[in-house]
């Protein structure tokens, strides 16, 4: 009997070792018993094997010029090579969203190993959004466009259930500084509840997750004015919280953490910059923690992930030479690596903003920071954060707009670092 028990133990151990070895060979699916068609947001979010990225992909100075299907497929291949498995889009009222899904679908058919999932954005705004000539925005009422946007997203989620795993109702649609279009939380809540009801009735996939992607203060992490009954109900209604945090912008709007403290004045310039970037990532962590504390304070439990964060590389405004001096590729590289390290270690999905530079955001100002959050610029050059990927051949045989992916500054670190400035201690907005 004892020998038989020993044999059984040996067999069990052998099976476990074999199982572990099989698991280690799976690069993207954490549970090898799941078929790809059964992969859900619950499997993806918080899983470090599924790196996330915000994606626009517009090349021109206007979104009237939509990326072609081939351009979108080109971008998806680049993102896939970077290890990105989950992307976030922002609206469905332009052709880009539907075309991104079609591009991914075609790539999956062309290559059975290609995998890319989507958090599909639903743009929500208020009545008279951006219209200051006819009475201005009415934040207590919603745009007539919103129901059409929601209906379109529902159709796309049902058409591509193997790709669309999350619907995000609104982008920074509740935060008060979005004065041109923000809505009251009850409007977001209305649509979140509508989508959740469709899951129950089988009119949407039941495993589809619903959220809203908004600034950390909109999720209760800041001003108590946001702590409303509607927000509490919204936290309860969503499947997870998608919060935004931007230490970069706060180098101007809330610069106390950014300035070089007195005890660092004798450090070298590089040491001062490196210390500032540690304070920047700590700033992001504090905003994340503030949302977590709020959710706990109202007696609820929800997964919290980062729907957006990033660092620009060019600015002639608030963040440039005459401003906080936060902007360059060296600092972007530092922030990117730090935010990835922290979020991976804590099973937090981070939709890093963003993959590629887009020039429509500040079309009249070429050097406006909003045009330069990408990790790859419009010339197909990988910024410093991706130089190692170029060296490792990650982008071999891949192109963007017909150009191979090369390095900014021709890969010359000294030339790059000559453009880097120490945080502006004397700066005040």
Protein backbone atom coordinates (compact mmCIF):
# COMPACT_ATOMS: atom_id res chain seq x y z
CA UNK A 1 0.00 0.00 0.00
CA UNK A 2 2.78 2.42 0.92
CA UNK A 3 4.62 1.69 -2.35
CA UNK A 4 1.44 2.30 -4.34
CA UNK A 5 0.97 5.63 -2.58
CA UNK A 6 4.55 6.61 -3.43
CA UNK A 7 3.97 5.67 -7.06
CA UNK A 8 0.82 7.79 -7.13
CA UNK A 9 2.70 10.77 -5.70
CA UNK A 10 5.45 10.40 -8.30
CA UNK A 11 2.88 10.25 -11.10
CA UNK A 12 1.10 13.34 -9.81
CA UNK A 13 4.39 15.28 -9.56
CA UNK A 14 5.34 14.25 -13.08
CA UNK A 15 1.99 15.42 -14.40
CA UNK A 16 2.35 18.74 -12.61
CA UNK A 17 5.84 19.30 -14.04
CA UNK A 18 4.58 18.47 -17.52
CA UNK A 19 1.67 20.83 -17.06
CA UNK A 20 3.94 23.65 -15.86
CA UNK A 21 6.25 23.20 -18.83
CA UNK A 22 3.28 23.41 -21.16
CA UNK A 23 2.12 26.59 -19.45
CA UNK A 24 5.53 28.20 -19.78
CA UNK A 25 5.41 27.67 -23.52
CA UNK A 26 2.23 29.72 -23.79
CA UNK A 27 3.26 33.31 -24.45
CA UNK A 28 -0.05 35.10 -24.47
CA UNK A 29 -2.77 32.94 -22.93
CA UNK A 30 -2.32 32.55 -19.19
CA UNK A 31 -4.77 29.61 -19.01
CA UNK A 32 -3.89 27.15 -21.80
CA UNK A 33 -7.22 25.32 -21.41
CA UNK A 34 -9.01 28.36 -22.79
CA UNK A 35 -9.60 28.61 -26.52
CA UNK A 36 -9.04 32.07 -27.96
CA UNK A 37 -12.76 32.46 -28.54
CA UNK A 38 -13.27 32.09 -24.79
CA UNK A 39 -10.73 34.73 -23.79
CA UNK A 40 -12.55 37.48 -21.91
CA UNK A 41 -11.76 40.83 -20.35
CA UNK A 42 -11.56 39.03 -17.02
CA UNK A 43 -8.68 36.92 -18.40
CA UNK A 44 -6.96 39.88 -20.05
CA UNK A 45 -7.16 42.77 -17.58
CA UNK A 46 -4.47 42.65 -14.94
CA UNK A 47 -2.60 39.99 -16.90
CA UNK A 48 0.97 41.17 -17.68
CA UNK A 49 1.02 38.94 -20.76
CA UNK A 50 -1.49 41.32 -22.38
CA UNK A 51 0.24 44.67 -22.71
CA UNK A 52 -2.18 47.49 -23.52
CA UNK A 53 -1.83 50.63 -25.61
CA UNK A 54 -3.99 53.58 -26.64
CA UNK A 55 -4.31 53.80 -30.40
CA UNK A 56 -5.34 56.49 -32.84
CA UNK A 57 -3.17 56.04 -35.89
CA UNK A 58 -4.17 59.22 -37.73
CA UNK A 59 -1.40 60.48 -40.00
CA UNK A 60 -2.87 63.77 -41.24
CA UNK A 61 -3.65 67.13 -39.64
CA UNK A 62 -7.33 66.35 -39.79
CA UNK A 63 -9.38 63.28 -38.93
CA UNK A 64 -11.27 63.88 -42.14
CA UNK A 65 -8.43 61.85 -43.65
CA UNK A 66 -9.01 58.37 -42.26
CA UNK A 67 -6.21 55.77 -42.08
CA UNK A 68 -6.60 53.18 -44.82
CA UNK A 69 -7.14 49.53 -44.05
CA UNK A 70 -3.58 48.75 -45.13
CA UNK A 71 -2.21 51.51 -42.87
CA UNK A 72 -4.17 50.12 -39.94
CA UNK A 73 -2.89 46.61 -40.63
CA UNK A 74 0.63 48.03 -40.80
CA UNK A 75 0.17 49.59 -37.36
CA UNK A 76 -1.35 46.45 -35.84
CA UNK A 77 1.66 44.44 -36.98
CA UNK A 78 4.00 46.95 -35.35
CA UNK A 79 2.04 46.87 -32.10
CA UNK A 80 1.94 43.09 -32.17
CA UNK A 81 5.71 43.00 -32.60
CA UNK A 82 6.00 45.21 -29.50
CA UNK A 83 4.02 42.66 -27.50
CA UNK A 84 0.82 44.71 -27.42
CA UNK A 85 -2.27 42.48 -27.23
CA UNK A 86 -4.94 44.98 -26.17
CA UNK A 87 -5.62 48.38 -27.71
CA UNK A 88 -8.00 51.17 -26.80
CA UNK A 89 -9.94 53.27 -29.32
CA UNK A 90 -11.87 56.47 -28.56
CA UNK A 91 -15.03 56.74 -30.64
CA UNK A 92 -17.09 54.94 -33.24
CA UNK A 93 -18.56 57.86 -35.16
CA UNK A 94 -15.60 57.90 -37.53
CA UNK A 95 -14.66 55.02 -39.83
CA UNK A 96 -11.41 54.35 -38.01
CA UNK A 97 -12.91 52.23 -35.23
CA UNK A 98 -14.77 49.87 -37.54
CA UNK A 99 -11.76 49.70 -39.85
CA UNK A 100 -9.41 48.85 -36.98
CA UNK A 101 -11.63 45.91 -36.09
CA UNK A 102 -11.76 44.81 -39.72
CA UNK A 103 -7.97 45.12 -39.99
CA UNK A 104 -7.49 42.91 -36.93
CA UNK A 105 -10.04 40.42 -38.24
CA UNK A 106 -8.20 40.16 -41.55
CA UNK A 107 -4.83 39.74 -39.83
CA UNK A 108 -6.25 36.94 -37.69
CA UNK A 109 -7.46 35.16 -40.81
CA UNK A 110 -4.09 35.64 -42.50
CA UNK A 111 -2.14 34.39 -39.47
CA UNK A 112 -3.74 32.13 -36.87
CA UNK A 113 -1.11 33.20 -34.32
CA UNK A 114 -2.03 36.90 -34.57
CA UNK A 115 -3.91 38.12 -31.50
CA UNK A 116 -5.22 41.60 -30.72
CA UNK A 117 -8.15 42.62 -28.53
CA UNK A 118 -9.93 45.94 -28.23
CA UNK A 119 -11.45 48.24 -25.62
CA UNK A 120 -13.87 50.05 -27.90
CA UNK A 121 -14.47 53.67 -26.98
CA UNK A 122 -17.93 55.26 -27.09
CA UNK A 123 -17.73 59.04 -27.33
CA UNK A 124 -20.19 60.76 -25.00
CA UNK A 125 -20.72 64.51 -24.71
CA UNK A 126 -23.28 67.07 -23.60
CA UNK A 127 -25.86 69.15 -25.44
CA UNK A 128 -24.18 71.95 -27.43
CA UNK A 129 -20.76 70.42 -26.86
CA UNK A 130 -18.01 72.69 -28.23
CA UNK A 131 -20.70 75.14 -29.33
CA UNK A 132 -20.13 78.42 -27.49
CA UNK A 133 -22.11 80.52 -29.96
CA UNK A 134 -25.53 79.00 -29.27
CA UNK A 135 -25.77 79.16 -25.52
CA UNK A 136 -22.73 77.02 -24.78
CA UNK A 137 -22.51 73.45 -23.44
CA UNK A 138 -25.39 72.20 -21.29
CA UNK A 139 -23.75 69.68 -18.99
CA UNK A 140 -27.00 68.40 -17.49
CA UNK A 141 -28.29 67.26 -20.88
CA UNK A 142 -26.70 64.96 -23.41
CA UNK A 143 -25.97 65.27 -27.08
CA UNK A 144 -28.46 63.84 -29.57
CA UNK A 145 -25.49 62.05 -31.05
CA UNK A 146 -24.90 59.84 -27.98
CA UNK A 147 -27.60 57.19 -28.68
CA UNK A 148 -26.25 56.74 -32.22
CA UNK A 149 -22.73 56.31 -30.87
CA UNK A 150 -23.90 53.68 -28.38
CA UNK A 151 -25.94 51.84 -31.02
CA UNK A 152 -22.94 51.73 -33.37
CA UNK A 153 -20.68 50.36 -30.63
CA UNK A 154 -23.23 47.64 -29.83
CA UNK A 155 -23.30 46.59 -33.48
CA UNK A 156 -19.50 46.43 -33.66
CA UNK A 157 -19.23 44.48 -30.41
CA UNK A 158 -21.68 41.91 -31.76
CA UNK A 159 -19.99 41.75 -35.17
CA UNK A 160 -16.52 41.18 -33.69
CA UNK A 161 -17.10 39.37 -30.35
CA UNK A 162 -13.73 37.62 -30.60
CA UNK A 163 -11.96 41.03 -30.73
CA UNK A 164 -14.06 43.53 -28.77
CA UNK A 165 -13.76 42.58 -25.10
CA UNK A 166 -14.55 45.92 -23.41
CA UNK A 167 -16.82 48.88 -24.09
CA UNK A 168 -15.80 52.21 -22.54
CA UNK A 169 -18.64 54.73 -22.19
CA UNK A 170 -17.06 58.15 -22.60
CA UNK A 171 -13.52 59.48 -22.55
CA UNK A 172 -12.86 62.08 -19.84
CA UNK A 173 -16.58 62.75 -20.18
CA UNK A 174 -17.23 63.58 -16.51
CA UNK A 175 -14.21 65.65 -15.49
CA UNK A 176 -15.07 69.33 -15.06
CA UNK A 177 -11.98 70.70 -16.77
CA UNK A 178 -13.37 69.21 -20.01
CA UNK A 179 -15.59 72.30 -20.02
CA UNK A 180 -16.49 72.04 -23.71
CA UNK A 181 -18.32 68.73 -23.45
CA UNK A 182 -18.45 67.04 -20.02
CA UNK A 183 -21.67 65.44 -18.78
CA UNK A 184 -23.02 64.72 -15.33
CA UNK A 185 -22.28 61.17 -14.06
CA UNK A 186 -25.94 60.14 -14.28
CA UNK A 187 -25.69 60.30 -18.10
CA UNK A 188 -22.73 57.90 -18.12
CA UNK A 189 -24.56 55.73 -15.59
CA UNK A 190 -27.62 55.59 -17.86
CA UNK A 191 -25.62 54.16 -20.75
CA UNK A 192 -23.56 51.80 -18.61
CA UNK A 193 -26.78 50.36 -17.18
CA UNK A 194 -28.22 50.10 -20.68
CA UNK A 195 -25.26 48.05 -21.87
CA UNK A 196 -25.29 45.86 -18.77
CA UNK A 197 -28.99 45.16 -19.38
CA UNK A 198 -28.24 44.11 -22.95
CA UNK A 199 -25.75 41.57 -21.61
CA UNK A 200 -28.43 40.11 -19.36
CA UNK A 201 -30.93 39.80 -22.22
CA UNK A 202 -28.38 38.26 -24.59
CA UNK A 203 -28.20 41.25 -26.92
CA UNK A 204 -24.52 41.67 -26.07
CA UNK A 205 -21.98 38.97 -25.16
CA UNK A 206 -22.39 38.27 -21.46
CA UNK A 207 -18.61 38.25 -20.89
CA UNK A 208 -18.18 41.74 -22.39
CA UNK A 209 -16.98 44.17 -19.72
CA UNK A 210 -18.36 47.69 -19.45
CA UNK A 211 -16.54 50.73 -18.02
CA UNK A 212 -16.05 54.45 -18.42
CA UNK A 213 -12.56 55.85 -18.95
CA UNK A 214 -12.02 59.07 -17.04
CA UNK A 215 -9.68 61.22 -14.99
CA UNK A 216 -8.86 60.00 -11.51
CA UNK A 217 -10.88 62.82 -9.90
CA UNK A 218 -13.98 61.68 -11.78
CA UNK A 219 -13.60 58.34 -9.99
CA UNK A 220 -13.57 59.97 -6.57
CA UNK A 221 -9.81 60.28 -6.17
CA UNK A 222 -9.73 64.04 -5.69
CA UNK A 223 -12.18 66.87 -5.08
CA UNK A 224 -15.09 65.83 -2.85
CA UNK A 225 -17.46 67.67 -5.21
CA UNK A 226 -17.27 64.54 -7.36
CA UNK A 227 -18.41 62.30 -4.49
CA UNK A 228 -22.06 62.09 -5.52
CA UNK A 229 -24.76 59.45 -5.28
CA UNK A 230 -24.59 59.00 -9.05
CA UNK A 231 -20.85 58.33 -8.93
CA UNK A 232 -21.35 55.68 -6.25
CA UNK A 233 -23.98 54.01 -8.42
CA UNK A 234 -21.66 54.21 -11.42
CA UNK A 235 -18.83 52.52 -9.53
CA UNK A 236 -21.27 49.76 -8.65
CA UNK A 237 -22.50 49.44 -12.25
CA UNK A 238 -19.18 49.16 -14.12
CA UNK A 239 -17.19 45.93 -14.34
CA UNK A 240 -13.97 47.79 -13.60
CA UNK A 241 -12.67 51.32 -13.23
CA UNK A 242 -10.57 52.81 -16.03
CA UNK A 243 -8.79 55.84 -14.58
CA UNK A 244 -6.42 58.37 -16.13
CA UNK A 245 -3.34 59.78 -14.48
CA UNK A 246 -0.97 62.35 -15.99
CA UNK A 247 2.05 63.45 -13.95
CA UNK A 248 3.26 65.05 -17.20
CA UNK A 249 0.40 67.57 -17.27
CA UNK A 250 0.73 68.13 -13.56
CA UNK A 251 4.28 69.39 -13.99
CA UNK A 252 2.42 72.54 -15.05
CA UNK A 253 -0.89 72.41 -13.19
CA UNK A 254 0.38 70.98 -9.90
CA UNK A 255 4.17 71.36 -10.06
CA UNK A 256 5.15 70.96 -6.42
CA UNK A 257 6.29 67.37 -6.93
CA UNK A 258 8.24 68.32 -10.04
CA UNK A 259 10.51 71.07 -8.82
CA UNK A 260 14.03 70.17 -7.69
CA UNK A 261 14.03 70.22 -3.87
CA UNK A 262 16.75 71.98 -1.92
CA UNK A 263 18.42 68.76 -0.82
CA UNK A 264 19.06 67.85 -4.49
CA UNK A 265 20.56 71.15 -5.65
CA UNK A 266 24.12 69.77 -5.65
CA UNK A 267 23.27 66.73 -7.77
CA UNK A 268 24.32 66.48 -11.41
CA UNK A 269 21.75 67.43 -14.05
CA UNK A 270 21.15 63.78 -14.88
CA UNK A 271 20.67 62.90 -11.22
CA UNK A 272 18.18 65.76 -10.80
CA UNK A 273 16.21 64.56 -13.83
CA UNK A 274 16.23 60.94 -12.70
CA UNK A 275 15.06 61.93 -9.23
CA UNK A 276 12.24 64.01 -10.74
CA UNK A 277 11.04 61.03 -12.76
CA UNK A 278 10.89 58.92 -9.60
CA UNK A 279 8.69 61.61 -8.08
CA UNK A 280 6.56 61.56 -11.25
CA UNK A 281 5.83 57.84 -11.03
CA UNK A 282 5.13 58.23 -7.30
CA UNK A 283 2.62 60.94 -8.25
CA UNK A 284 0.81 58.48 -10.54
CA UNK A 285 0.78 55.85 -7.79
CA UNK A 286 -0.77 58.33 -5.35
CA UNK A 287 -3.56 59.13 -7.78
CA UNK A 288 -4.23 55.42 -8.29
CA UNK A 289 -4.26 54.88 -4.54
CA UNK A 290 -6.65 57.80 -4.04
CA UNK A 291 -9.21 56.15 -6.33
CA UNK A 292 -8.74 52.85 -4.54
CA UNK A 293 -9.34 54.52 -1.17
CA UNK A 294 -12.52 56.17 -2.42
CA UNK A 295 -13.94 52.91 -3.75
CA UNK A 296 -13.22 51.21 -0.45
CA UNK A 297 -14.72 54.13 1.47
CA UNK A 298 -18.11 53.57 -0.17
CA UNK A 299 -18.02 49.87 0.62
CA UNK A 300 -17.39 48.62 -2.90
CA UNK A 301 -14.78 46.43 -4.57
CA UNK A 302 -13.83 46.95 -8.20
CA UNK A 303 -10.71 46.19 -10.26
CA UNK A 304 -8.93 49.46 -11.07
CA UNK A 305 -6.83 49.79 -14.20
CA UNK A 306 -5.14 52.73 -15.91
CA UNK A 307 -7.06 53.73 -19.01
CA UNK A 308 -4.59 56.40 -20.00
CA UNK A 309 -1.22 57.81 -19.03
CA UNK A 310 1.74 59.05 -21.05
CA UNK A 311 4.55 61.53 -21.57
CA UNK A 312 5.12 63.87 -24.53
CA UNK A 313 8.46 64.45 -26.24
CA UNK A 314 7.98 67.90 -27.81
CA UNK A 315 6.37 71.05 -26.40
CA UNK A 316 6.64 74.76 -27.14
CA UNK A 317 4.08 75.53 -24.44
CA UNK A 318 3.47 74.77 -20.78
CA UNK A 319 5.88 71.84 -20.69
CA UNK A 320 8.72 73.16 -22.82
CA UNK A 321 11.78 75.36 -22.32
CA UNK A 322 9.77 78.31 -21.00
CA UNK A 323 7.52 76.07 -18.94
CA UNK A 324 8.07 73.10 -16.66
CA UNK A 325 10.75 71.58 -18.95
CA UNK A 326 9.19 68.16 -18.61
CA UNK A 327 9.32 67.31 -22.28
CA UNK A 328 11.86 65.13 -24.08
CA UNK A 329 12.52 61.55 -25.12
CA UNK A 330 14.77 60.80 -22.16
CA UNK A 331 11.97 61.57 -19.69
CA UNK A 332 9.41 59.72 -21.80
CA UNK A 333 11.63 56.65 -21.76
CA UNK A 334 12.00 56.88 -17.99
CA UNK A 335 8.27 57.26 -17.40
CA UNK A 336 7.34 54.52 -19.85
CA UNK A 337 9.66 51.98 -18.24
CA UNK A 338 8.67 52.92 -14.71
CA UNK A 339 4.92 52.81 -15.34
CA UNK A 340 5.23 49.46 -17.11
CA UNK A 341 7.33 47.99 -14.30
CA UNK A 342 4.96 49.14 -11.57
CA UNK A 343 1.74 48.13 -13.30
CA UNK A 344 3.05 44.72 -14.35
CA UNK A 345 4.24 43.98 -10.81
CA UNK A 346 0.82 44.88 -9.42
CA UNK A 347 -1.35 43.22 -12.09
CA UNK A 348 -2.67 46.56 -13.31
CA UNK A 349 -3.45 46.94 -16.99
CA UNK A 350 -2.06 50.20 -18.34
CA UNK A 351 -3.25 51.61 -21.66
CA UNK A 352 -0.15 53.67 -22.36
CA UNK A 353 -0.84 56.82 -24.36
CA UNK A 354 0.10 56.38 -27.09
CA UNK A 355 1.58 54.23 -29.82
CA UNK A 356 2.12 56.79 -32.59
CA UNK A 357 2.31 60.58 -32.82
CA UNK A 358 -0.82 62.20 -34.26
CA UNK A 359 -0.76 65.73 -35.63
CA UNK A 360 -4.49 66.47 -35.80
CA UNK A 361 -4.74 67.11 -32.06
CA UNK A 362 -3.04 70.51 -32.30
CA UNK A 363 -3.01 70.96 -36.05
CA UNK A 364 -2.16 74.67 -36.00
CA UNK A 365 0.83 74.20 -33.70
CA UNK A 366 3.33 71.66 -34.99
CA UNK A 367 5.24 71.63 -31.70
CA UNK A 368 2.16 71.38 -29.49
CA UNK A 369 2.65 68.64 -26.90
CA UNK A 370 -0.62 66.86 -27.79
CA UNK A 371 0.91 65.95 -31.15
CA UNK A 372 3.89 64.19 -29.60
CA UNK A 373 2.81 61.55 -27.08
CA UNK A 374 3.63 58.64 -29.39
CA UNK A 375 6.44 56.15 -28.94
CA UNK A 376 6.92 56.28 -32.72
CA UNK A 377 6.90 59.56 -34.64
CA UNK A 378 5.31 60.39 -37.98
CA UNK A 379 8.55 59.63 -39.79
CA UNK A 380 8.44 56.04 -38.58
CA UNK A 381 11.24 56.64 -36.08
CA UNK A 382 11.19 54.84 -32.75
CA UNK A 383 11.77 57.22 -29.87
CA UNK A 384 14.30 56.48 -27.15
CA UNK A 385 11.88 54.24 -25.20
CA UNK A 386 11.96 51.81 -28.15
CA UNK A 387 15.60 52.01 -29.17
CA UNK A 388 16.32 48.65 -27.54
CA UNK A 389 13.48 47.10 -29.52
CA UNK A 390 15.05 48.35 -32.75
CA UNK A 391 18.41 46.88 -31.71
CA UNK A 392 16.78 43.53 -30.96
CA UNK A 393 15.20 43.37 -34.41
CA UNK A 394 11.64 43.59 -33.10
CA UNK A 395 10.59 45.67 -36.12
CA UNK A 396 12.51 43.68 -38.73
CA UNK A 397 10.66 43.62 -42.07
CA UNK A 398 7.99 45.98 -40.71
CA UNK A 399 7.31 49.43 -42.11
CA UNK A 400 5.11 52.44 -41.41
CA UNK A 401 4.08 54.47 -44.45
CA UNK A 402 6.60 52.43 -46.41
CA UNK A 403 9.48 53.34 -44.10
CA UNK A 404 11.39 50.89 -41.91
CA UNK A 405 11.33 51.62 -38.17
CA UNK A 406 14.60 53.37 -37.30
CA UNK A 407 15.81 55.35 -34.27
CA UNK A 408 15.34 59.03 -33.57
CA UNK A 409 18.58 61.06 -33.41
CA UNK A 410 20.10 58.34 -35.61
CA UNK A 411 20.56 56.40 -32.39
CA UNK A 412 23.03 58.96 -31.01
CA UNK A 413 22.48 59.08 -27.24
CA UNK A 414 24.66 62.14 -26.70
CA UNK A 415 22.69 64.11 -29.28
CA UNK A 416 19.48 63.05 -27.59
CA UNK A 417 20.65 63.95 -24.09
CA UNK A 418 21.81 67.38 -25.22
CA UNK A 419 18.13 68.24 -25.68
CA UNK A 420 17.21 67.23 -22.12
CA UNK A 421 16.56 69.96 -19.55
CA UNK A 422 16.48 69.89 -15.75
CA UNK A 423 12.99 70.53 -14.29
CA UNK A 424 12.35 74.28 -14.01
CA UNK A 425 12.54 74.98 -10.28
CA UNK A 426 11.63 78.65 -10.68
CA UNK A 427 8.65 78.00 -12.92
CA UNK A 428 5.18 79.01 -11.78
CA UNK A 429 2.13 78.91 -14.00
